[in-house]
């Protein structure tokens, strides 16, 4: 997967993670992009450890699931550290 596709995947995965988790997360599109890219890396790492899967194809459903799950994990950890505001 090329760099631009990975950024787009990260932005969409971060947006979905922010929509799934309750509460109000600070930040705009750039923080969502960073969250999603870090989440995709974390999701790929977790997926490779547990299932032997990896984030390597943009149109692969497994890549999307791993990126979204990784983004949720990163967002939950970030919220616990910074004290995310409740809705």
PDB file of N, CA and C in Angstrom:
ATOM      1  N   UNK A   1       0.863  -1.158   0.000  1.00  0.00           N
ATOM      2  CA  UNK A   1       0.000   0.000   0.000  1.00  0.00           C
ATOM      3  C   UNK A   1       0.914   1.226   0.000  1.00  0.00           C
ATOM      4  N   UNK A   2       0.596   2.191  -0.859  1.00  0.00           N
ATOM      5  CA  UNK A   2       1.438   3.376  -0.909  1.00  0.00           C
ATOM      6  C   UNK A   2       1.103   4.348   0.212  1.00  0.00           C
ATOM      7  N   UNK A   3       1.913   5.381   0.344  1.00  0.00           N
ATOM      8  CA  UNK A   3       1.823   6.313   1.465  1.00  0.00           C
ATOM      9  C   UNK A   3       0.499   7.072   1.484  1.00  0.00           C
ATOM     10  N   UNK A   4       0.029   7.547   0.346  1.00  0.00           N
ATOM     11  CA  UNK A   4      -1.228   8.308   0.276  1.00  0.00           C
ATOM     12  C   UNK A   4      -2.413   7.416   0.660  1.00  0.00           C
ATOM     13  N   UNK A   5      -2.432   6.188   0.176  1.00  0.00           N
ATOM     14  CA  UNK A   5      -3.510   5.265   0.521  1.00  0.00           C
ATOM     15  C   UNK A   5      -3.500   4.964   2.016  1.00  0.00           C
ATOM     16  N   UNK A   6      -2.307   4.841   2.609  1.00  0.00           N
ATOM     17  CA  UNK A   6      -2.209   4.592   4.043  1.00  0.00           C
ATOM     18  C   UNK A   6      -2.731   5.795   4.830  1.00  0.00           C
ATOM     19  N   UNK A   7      -2.461   7.015   4.370  1.00  0.00           N
ATOM     20  CA  UNK A   7      -2.981   8.208   5.033  1.00  0.00           C
ATOM     21  C   UNK A   7      -4.505   8.278   4.939  1.00  0.00           C
ATOM     22  N   UNK A   8      -5.047   7.953   3.780  1.00  0.00           N
ATOM     23  CA  UNK A   8      -6.507   7.960   3.613  1.00  0.00           C
ATOM     24  C   UNK A   8      -7.141   6.896   4.506  1.00  0.00           C
ATOM     25  N   UNK A   9      -6.547   5.716   4.544  1.00  0.00           N
ATOM     26  CA  UNK A   9      -7.025   4.653   5.424  1.00  0.00           C
ATOM     27  C   UNK A   9      -6.993   5.109   6.881  1.00  0.00           C
ATOM     28  N   UNK A  10      -5.917   5.766   7.284  1.00  0.00           N
ATOM     29  CA  UNK A  10      -5.797   6.255   8.653  1.00  0.00           C
ATOM     30  C   UNK A  10      -6.821   7.315   8.982  1.00  0.00           C
ATOM     31  N   UNK A  11      -7.081   8.233   8.058  1.00  0.00           N
ATOM     32  CA  UNK A  11      -8.062   9.289   8.295  1.00  0.00           C
ATOM     33  C   UNK A  11      -9.462   8.707   8.457  1.00  0.00           C
ATOM     34  N   UNK A  12      -9.829   7.787   7.606  1.00  0.00           N
ATOM     35  CA  UNK A  12     -11.162   7.181   7.688  1.00  0.00           C
ATOM     36  C   UNK A  12     -11.279   6.296   8.926  1.00  0.00           C
ATOM     37  N   UNK A  13     -10.248   5.511   9.220  1.00  0.00           N
ATOM     38  CA  UNK A  13     -10.284   4.649  10.411  1.00  0.00           C
ATOM     39  C   UNK A  13     -10.349   5.484  11.683  1.00  0.00           C
ATOM     40  N   UNK A  14      -9.615   6.582  11.738  1.00  0.00           N
ATOM     41  CA  UNK A  14      -9.676   7.468  12.903  1.00  0.00           C
ATOM     42  C   UNK A  14     -11.042   8.101  13.066  1.00  0.00           C
ATOM     43  N   UNK A  15     -11.664   8.477  11.959  1.00  0.00           N
ATOM     44  CA  UNK A  15     -13.008   9.059  12.022  1.00  0.00           C
ATOM     45  C   UNK A  15     -14.027   8.044  12.525  1.00  0.00           C
ATOM     46  N   UNK A  16     -13.922   6.835  12.044  1.00  0.00           N
ATOM     47  CA  UNK A  16     -14.838   5.785  12.492  1.00  0.00           C
ATOM     48  C   UNK A  16     -14.622   5.487  13.970  1.00  0.00           C
ATOM     49  N   UNK A  17     -13.373   5.457  14.415  1.00  0.00           N
ATOM     50  CA  UNK A  17     -13.081   5.204  15.829  1.00  0.00           C
ATOM     51  C   UNK A  17     -13.654   6.314  16.704  1.00  0.00           C
ATOM     52  N   UNK A  18     -13.533   7.562  16.263  1.00  0.00           N
ATOM     53  CA  UNK A  18     -14.101   8.670  17.031  1.00  0.00           C
ATOM     54  C   UNK A  18     -15.624   8.594  17.071  1.00  0.00           C
ATOM     55  N   UNK A  19     -16.239   8.083  16.020  1.00  0.00           N
ATOM     56  CA  UNK A  19     -17.696   7.948  15.992  1.00  0.00           C
ATOM     57  C   UNK A  19     -18.172   6.792  16.873  1.00  0.00           C
ATOM     58  N   UNK A  20     -17.368   5.750  16.994  1.00  0.00           N
ATOM     59  CA  UNK A  20     -17.762   4.578  17.770  1.00  0.00           C
ATOM     60  C   UNK A  20     -17.624   4.817  19.267  1.00  0.00           C
ATOM     61  N   UNK A  21     -16.526   5.417  19.688  1.00  0.00           N
ATOM     62  CA  UNK A  21     -16.293   5.615  21.119  1.00  0.00           C
ATOM     63  C   UNK A  21     -17.168   6.738  21.655  1.00  0.00           C
ATOM     64  N   UNK A  22     -17.758   6.517  22.825  1.00  0.00           N
ATOM     65  CA  UNK A  22     -18.595   7.569  23.416  1.00  0.00           C
ATOM     66  C   UNK A  22     -17.734   8.696  23.977  1.00  0.00           C
ATOM     67  N   UNK A  23     -18.352   9.826  24.192  1.00  0.00           N
ATOM     68  CA  UNK A  23     -17.646  10.968  24.749  1.00  0.00           C
ATOM     69  C   UNK A  23     -17.232  11.938  23.661  1.00  0.00           C
ATOM     70  N   UNK A  24     -16.593  12.987  24.100  1.00  0.00           N
ATOM     71  CA  UNK A  24     -16.181  14.032  23.172  1.00  0.00           C
ATOM     72  C   UNK A  24     -14.662  14.061  23.089  1.00  0.00           C
ATOM     73  N   UNK A  25     -14.138  13.820  21.909  1.00  0.00           N
ATOM     74  CA  UNK A  25     -12.706  13.840  21.703  1.00  0.00           C
ATOM     75  C   UNK A  25     -12.312  15.180  21.090  1.00  0.00           C
ATOM     76  N   UNK A  26     -11.227  15.732  21.588  1.00  0.00           N
ATOM     77  CA  UNK A  26     -10.735  16.980  21.034  1.00  0.00           C
ATOM     78  C   UNK A  26      -9.961  16.725  19.756  1.00  0.00           C
ATOM     79  N   UNK A  27      -9.801  17.764  18.965  1.00  0.00           N
ATOM     80  CA  UNK A  27      -8.974  17.668  17.776  1.00  0.00           C
ATOM     81  C   UNK A  27      -9.783  17.703  16.507  1.00  0.00           C
ATOM     82  N   UNK A  28      -9.134  18.106  15.467  1.00  0.00           N
ATOM     83  CA  UNK A  28      -9.755  18.196  14.156  1.00  0.00           C
ATOM     84  C   UNK A  28      -9.308  17.075  13.253  1.00  0.00           C
ATOM     85  N   UNK A  29      -9.282  17.374  11.970  1.00  0.00           N
ATOM     86  CA  UNK A  29      -8.974  16.337  10.988  1.00  0.00           C
ATOM     87  C   UNK A  29      -7.526  15.878  11.083  1.00  0.00           C
ATOM     88  N   UNK A  30      -6.611  16.776  11.451  1.00  0.00           N
ATOM     89  CA  UNK A  30      -5.203  16.383  11.517  1.00  0.00           C
ATOM     90  C   UNK A  30      -4.957  15.408  12.664  1.00  0.00           C
ATOM     91  N   UNK A  31      -5.550  15.682  13.828  1.00  0.00           N
ATOM     92  CA  UNK A  31      -5.387  14.746  14.943  1.00  0.00           C
ATOM     93  C   UNK A  31      -6.085  13.425  14.647  1.00  0.00           C
ATOM     94  N   UNK A  32      -7.191  13.481  13.907  1.00  0.00           N
ATOM     95  CA  UNK A  32      -7.869  12.251  13.492  1.00  0.00           C
ATOM     96  C   UNK A  32      -6.978  11.450  12.542  1.00  0.00           C
ATOM     97  N   UNK A  33      -6.286  12.142  11.647  1.00  0.00           N
ATOM     98  CA  UNK A  33      -5.358  11.490  10.718  1.00  0.00           C
ATOM     99  C   UNK A  33      -4.225  10.813  11.481  1.00  0.00           C
ATOM    100  N   UNK A  34      -3.636  11.530  12.413  1.00  0.00           N
ATOM    101  CA  UNK A  34      -2.538  10.966  13.204  1.00  0.00           C
ATOM    102  C   UNK A  34      -3.033   9.770  14.026  1.00  0.00           C
ATOM    103  N   UNK A  35      -4.193   9.938  14.657  1.00  0.00           N
ATOM    104  CA  UNK A  35      -4.788   8.851  15.429  1.00  0.00           C
ATOM    105  C   UNK A  35      -5.003   7.620  14.551  1.00  0.00           C
ATOM    106  N   UNK A  36      -5.556   7.827  13.361  1.00  0.00           N
ATOM    107  CA  UNK A  36      -5.838   6.705  12.470  1.00  0.00           C
ATOM    108  C   UNK A  36      -4.591   6.019  11.952  1.00  0.00           C
ATOM    109  N   UNK A  37      -3.561   6.793  11.623  1.00  0.00           N
ATOM    110  CA  UNK A  37      -2.317   6.195  11.130  1.00  0.00           C
ATOM    111  C   UNK A  37      -1.640   5.394  12.236  1.00  0.00           C
ATOM    112  N   UNK A  38      -1.573   5.977  13.433  1.00  0.00           N
ATOM    113  CA  UNK A  38      -1.002   5.230  14.564  1.00  0.00           C
ATOM    114  C   UNK A  38      -1.862   4.006  14.859  1.00  0.00           C
ATOM    115  N   UNK A  39      -3.182   4.173  14.784  1.00  0.00           N
ATOM    116  CA  UNK A  39      -4.085   3.044  15.004  1.00  0.00           C
ATOM    117  C   UNK A  39      -3.913   1.945  13.969  1.00  0.00           C
ATOM    118  N   UNK A  40      -3.693   2.321  12.721  1.00  0.00           N
ATOM    119  CA  UNK A  40      -3.470   1.314  11.677  1.00  0.00           C
ATOM    120  C   UNK A  40      -2.177   0.550  11.925  1.00  0.00           C
ATOM    121  N   UNK A  41      -1.157   1.251  12.375  1.00  0.00           N
ATOM    122  CA  UNK A  41       0.102   0.580  12.697  1.00  0.00           C
ATOM    123  C   UNK A  41      -0.089  -0.359  13.886  1.00  0.00           C
ATOM    124  N   UNK A  42      -0.769   0.134  14.942  1.00  0.00           N
ATOM    125  CA  UNK A  42      -1.032  -0.704  16.118  1.00  0.00           C
ATOM    126  C   UNK A  42      -1.915  -1.887  15.739  1.00  0.00           C
ATOM    127  N   UNK A  43      -2.963  -1.641  14.939  1.00  0.00           N
ATOM    128  CA  UNK A  43      -3.836  -2.725  14.502  1.00  0.00           C
ATOM    129  C   UNK A  43      -3.101  -3.765  13.677  1.00  0.00           C
ATOM    130  N   UNK A  44      -2.222  -3.309  12.797  1.00  0.00           N
ATOM    131  CA  UNK A  44      -1.418  -4.245  12.007  1.00  0.00           C
ATOM    132  C   UNK A  44      -0.480  -5.067  12.877  1.00  0.00           C
ATOM    133  N   UNK A  45       0.073  -4.408  13.891  1.00  0.00           N
ATOM    134  CA  UNK A  45       0.972  -5.109  14.809  1.00  0.00           C
ATOM    135  C   UNK A  45       0.210  -6.152  15.623  1.00  0.00           C
ATOM    136  N   UNK A  46      -0.944  -5.761  16.162  1.00  0.00           N
ATOM    137  CA  UNK A  46      -1.769  -6.701  16.935  1.00  0.00           C
ATOM    138  C   UNK A  46      -2.252  -7.845  16.040  1.00  0.00           C
ATOM    139  N   UNK A  47      -2.699  -7.498  14.828  1.00  0.00           N
ATOM    140  CA  UNK A  47      -3.173  -8.522  13.902  1.00  0.00           C
ATOM    141  C   UNK A  47      -2.094  -9.506  13.509  1.00  0.00           C
ATOM    142  N   UNK A  48      -0.866  -9.020  13.333  1.00  0.00           N
ATOM    143  CA  UNK A  48       0.215  -9.928  12.967  1.00  0.00           C
ATOM    144  C   UNK A  48       0.610 -10.828  14.132  1.00  0.00           C
ATOM    145  N   UNK A  49       0.514 -10.291  15.350  1.00  0.00           N
ATOM    146  CA  UNK A  49       0.838 -11.115  16.517  1.00  0.00           C
ATOM    147  C   UNK A  49      -0.216 -12.191  16.765  1.00  0.00           C
ATOM    148  N   UNK A  50      -1.500 -11.815  16.685  1.00  0.00           N
ATOM    149  CA  UNK A  50      -2.572 -12.748  17.038  1.00  0.00           C
ATOM    150  C   UNK A  50      -3.015 -13.655  15.894  1.00  0.00           C
ATOM    151  N   UNK A  51      -3.116 -13.078  14.697  1.00  0.00           N
ATOM    152  CA  UNK A  51      -3.729 -13.828  13.591  1.00  0.00           C
ATOM    153  C   UNK A  51      -2.827 -14.025  12.383  1.00  0.00           C
ATOM    154  N   UNK A  52      -1.672 -13.425  12.370  1.00  0.00           N
ATOM    155  CA  UNK A  52      -0.805 -13.496  11.199  1.00  0.00           C
ATOM    156  C   UNK A  52      -1.274 -12.604  10.067  1.00  0.00           C
ATOM    157  N   UNK A  53      -2.212 -11.705  10.347  1.00  0.00           N
ATOM    158  CA  UNK A  53      -2.738 -10.787   9.337  1.00  0.00           C
ATOM    159  C   UNK A  53      -1.952  -9.491   9.383  1.00  0.00           C
ATOM    160  N   UNK A  54      -2.037  -8.693   8.305  1.00  0.00           N
ATOM    161  CA  UNK A  54      -1.360  -7.413   8.289  1.00  0.00           C
ATOM    162  C   UNK A  54      -2.135  -6.411   7.454  1.00  0.00           C
ATOM    163  N   UNK A  55      -1.833  -5.141   7.662  1.00  0.00           N
ATOM    164  CA  UNK A  55      -2.463  -4.058   6.909  1.00  0.00           C
ATOM    165  C   UNK A  55      -1.579  -3.807   5.696  1.00  0.00           C
ATOM    166  N   UNK A  56      -1.963  -4.396   4.551  1.00  0.00           N
ATOM    167  CA  UNK A  56      -1.109  -4.229   3.377  1.00  0.00           C
ATOM    168  C   UNK A  56      -1.868  -3.910   2.096  1.00  0.00           C
ATOM    169  N   UNK A  57      -3.180  -4.025   2.087  1.00  0.00           N
ATOM    170  CA  UNK A  57      -3.957  -3.736   0.887  1.00  0.00           C
ATOM    171  C   UNK A  57      -5.097  -2.785   1.243  1.00  0.00           C
ATOM    172  N   UNK A  58      -5.265  -1.745   0.459  1.00  0.00           N
ATOM    173  CA  UNK A  58      -6.261  -0.719   0.751  1.00  0.00           C
ATOM    174  C   UNK A  58      -7.675  -1.278   0.679  1.00  0.00           C
ATOM    175  N   UNK A  59      -7.978  -2.112  -0.280  1.00  0.00           N
ATOM    176  CA  UNK A  59      -9.345  -2.604  -0.478  1.00  0.00           C
ATOM    177  C   UNK A  59      -9.615  -3.912   0.252  1.00  0.00           C
ATOM    178  N   UNK A  60      -8.726  -4.345   1.111  1.00  0.00           N
ATOM    179  CA  UNK A  60      -8.916  -5.571   1.873  1.00  0.00           C
ATOM    180  C   UNK A  60      -9.714  -5.281   3.145  1.00  0.00           C
ATOM    181  N   UNK A  61     -10.784  -6.023   3.381  1.00  0.00           N
ATOM    182  CA  UNK A  61     -11.618  -5.820   4.561  1.00  0.00           C
ATOM    183  C   UNK A  61     -10.833  -6.031   5.848  1.00  0.00           C
ATOM    184  N   UNK A  62      -9.925  -6.980   5.850  1.00  0.00           N
ATOM    185  CA  UNK A  62      -9.097  -7.225   7.028  1.00  0.00           C
ATOM    186  C   UNK A  62      -8.235  -6.028   7.393  1.00  0.00           C
ATOM    187  N   UNK A  63      -7.715  -5.328   6.396  1.00  0.00           N
ATOM    188  CA  UNK A  63      -6.927  -4.123   6.650  1.00  0.00           C
ATOM    189  C   UNK A  63      -7.774  -3.061   7.325  1.00  0.00           C
ATOM    190  N   UNK A  64      -8.999  -2.899   6.850  1.00  0.00           N
ATOM    191  CA  UNK A  64      -9.897  -1.895   7.428  1.00  0.00           C
ATOM    192  C   UNK A  64     -10.268  -2.241   8.867  1.00  0.00           C
ATOM    193  N   UNK A  65     -10.577  -3.502   9.113  1.00  0.00           N
ATOM    194  CA  UNK A  65     -10.957  -3.921  10.467  1.00  0.00           C
ATOM    195  C   UNK A  65      -9.785  -3.730  11.420  1.00  0.00           C
ATOM    196  N   UNK A  66      -8.606  -4.133  11.018  1.00  0.00           N
ATOM    197  CA  UNK A  66      -7.427  -3.962  11.870  1.00  0.00           C
ATOM    198  C   UNK A  66      -7.139  -2.490  12.133  1.00  0.00           C
ATOM    199  N   UNK A  67      -7.267  -1.657  11.107  1.00  0.00           N
ATOM    200  CA  UNK A  67      -7.009  -0.220  11.280  1.00  0.00           C
ATOM    201  C   UNK A  67      -8.032   0.416  12.215  1.00  0.00           C
ATOM    202  N   UNK A  68      -9.291   0.042  12.085  1.00  0.00           N
ATOM    203  CA  UNK A  68     -10.334   0.617  12.944  1.00  0.00           C
ATOM    204  C   UNK A  68     -10.171   0.142  14.383  1.00  0.00           C
ATOM    205  N   UNK A  69      -9.924  -1.144  14.581  1.00  0.00           N
ATOM    206  CA  UNK A  69      -9.724  -1.670  15.934  1.00  0.00           C
ATOM    207  C   UNK A  69      -8.486  -1.036  16.573  1.00  0.00           C
ATOM    208  N   UNK A  70      -7.421  -0.919  15.804  1.00  0.00           N
ATOM    209  CA  UNK A  70      -6.220  -0.265  16.323  1.00  0.00           C
ATOM    210  C   UNK A  70      -6.477   1.187  16.677  1.00  0.00           C
ATOM    211  N   UNK A  71      -7.268   1.893  15.874  1.00  0.00           N
ATOM    212  CA  UNK A  71      -7.601   3.289  16.159  1.00  0.00           C
ATOM    213  C   UNK A  71      -8.452   3.410  17.417  1.00  0.00           C
ATOM    214  N   UNK A  72      -9.358   2.473  17.623  1.00  0.00           N
ATOM    215  CA  UNK A  72     -10.171   2.485  18.844  1.00  0.00           C
ATOM    216  C   UNK A  72      -9.280   2.273  20.064  1.00  0.00           C
ATOM    217  N   UNK A  73      -8.338   1.353  19.967  1.00  0.00           N
ATOM    218  CA  UNK A  73      -7.415   1.099  21.074  1.00  0.00           C
ATOM    219  C   UNK A  73      -6.582   2.347  21.366  1.00  0.00           C
ATOM    220  N   UNK A  74      -6.039   2.964  20.326  1.00  0.00           N
ATOM    221  CA  UNK A  74      -5.214   4.163  20.515  1.00  0.00           C
ATOM    222  C   UNK A  74      -6.051   5.305  21.080  1.00  0.00           C
ATOM    223  N   UNK A  75      -7.267   5.484  20.577  1.00  0.00           N
ATOM    224  CA  UNK A  75      -8.132   6.552  21.079  1.00  0.00           C
ATOM    225  C   UNK A  75      -8.517   6.320  22.538  1.00  0.00           C
ATOM    226  N   UNK A  76      -8.779   5.079  22.921  1.00  0.00           N
ATOM    227  CA  UNK A  76      -9.118   4.772  24.315  1.00  0.00           C
ATOM    228  C   UNK A  76      -7.930   5.044  25.233  1.00  0.00           C
ATOM    229  N   UNK A  77      -6.744   4.668  24.818  1.00  0.00           N
ATOM    230  CA  UNK A  77      -5.547   4.932  25.620  1.00  0.00           C
ATOM    231  C   UNK A  77      -5.292   6.432  25.712  1.00  0.00           C
ATOM    232  N   UNK A  78      -5.420   7.132  24.584  1.00  0.00           N
ATOM    233  CA  UNK A  78      -5.221   8.581  24.575  1.00  0.00           C
ATOM    234  C   UNK A  78      -6.243   9.284  25.470  1.00  0.00           C
ATOM    235  N   UNK A  79      -7.488   8.828  25.430  1.00  0.00           N
ATOM    236  CA  UNK A  79      -8.524   9.403  26.278  1.00  0.00           C
ATOM    237  C   UNK A  79      -8.271   9.147  27.751  1.00  0.00           C
ATOM    238  N   UNK A  80      -7.756   7.978  28.088  1.00  0.00           N
ATOM    239  CA  UNK A  80      -7.441   7.666  29.483  1.00  0.00           C
ATOM    240  C   UNK A  80      -6.278   8.513  29.991  1.00  0.00           C
ATOM    241  N   UNK A  81      -5.325   8.785  29.128  1.00  0.00           N
ATOM    242  CA  UNK A  81      -4.171   9.589  29.534  1.00  0.00           C
ATOM    243  C   UNK A  81      -4.538  11.059  29.682  1.00  0.00           C
ATOM    244  N   UNK A  82      -5.288  11.586  28.726  1.00  0.00           N
ATOM    245  CA  UNK A  82      -5.597  13.023  28.731  1.00  0.00           C
ATOM    246  C   UNK A  82      -6.861  13.359  29.489  1.00  0.00           C
ATOM    247  N   UNK A  83      -7.620  12.386  29.916  1.00  0.00           N
ATOM    248  CA  UNK A  83      -8.859  12.666  30.645  1.00  0.00           C
ATOM    249  C   UNK A  83      -9.949  13.186  29.727  1.00  0.00           C
ATOM    250  N   UNK A  84     -10.312  12.387  28.734  1.00  0.00           N
ATOM    251  CA  UNK A  84     -11.341  12.745  27.744  1.00  0.00           C
ATOM    252  C   UNK A  84     -12.624  13.176  28.428  1.00  0.00           C
ATOM    253  N   UNK A  85     -13.271  14.186  27.891  1.00  0.00           N
ATOM    254  CA  UNK A  85     -14.529  14.711  28.443  1.00  0.00           C
ATOM    255  C   UNK A  85     -15.678  13.799  28.090  1.00  0.00           C
ATOM    256  N   UNK A  86     -16.588  13.639  29.012  1.00  0.00           N
ATOM    257  CA  UNK A  86     -17.799  12.852  28.750  1.00  0.00           C
ATOM    258  C   UNK A  86     -18.778  13.713  27.971  1.00  0.00           C
ATOM    259  N   UNK A  87     -19.685  13.069  27.249  1.00  0.00           N
ATOM    260  CA  UNK A  87     -20.654  13.768  26.406  1.00  0.00           C
ATOM    261  C   UNK A  87     -21.410  14.731  27.219  1.00  0.00           C
TER     262      UNK A  87
END
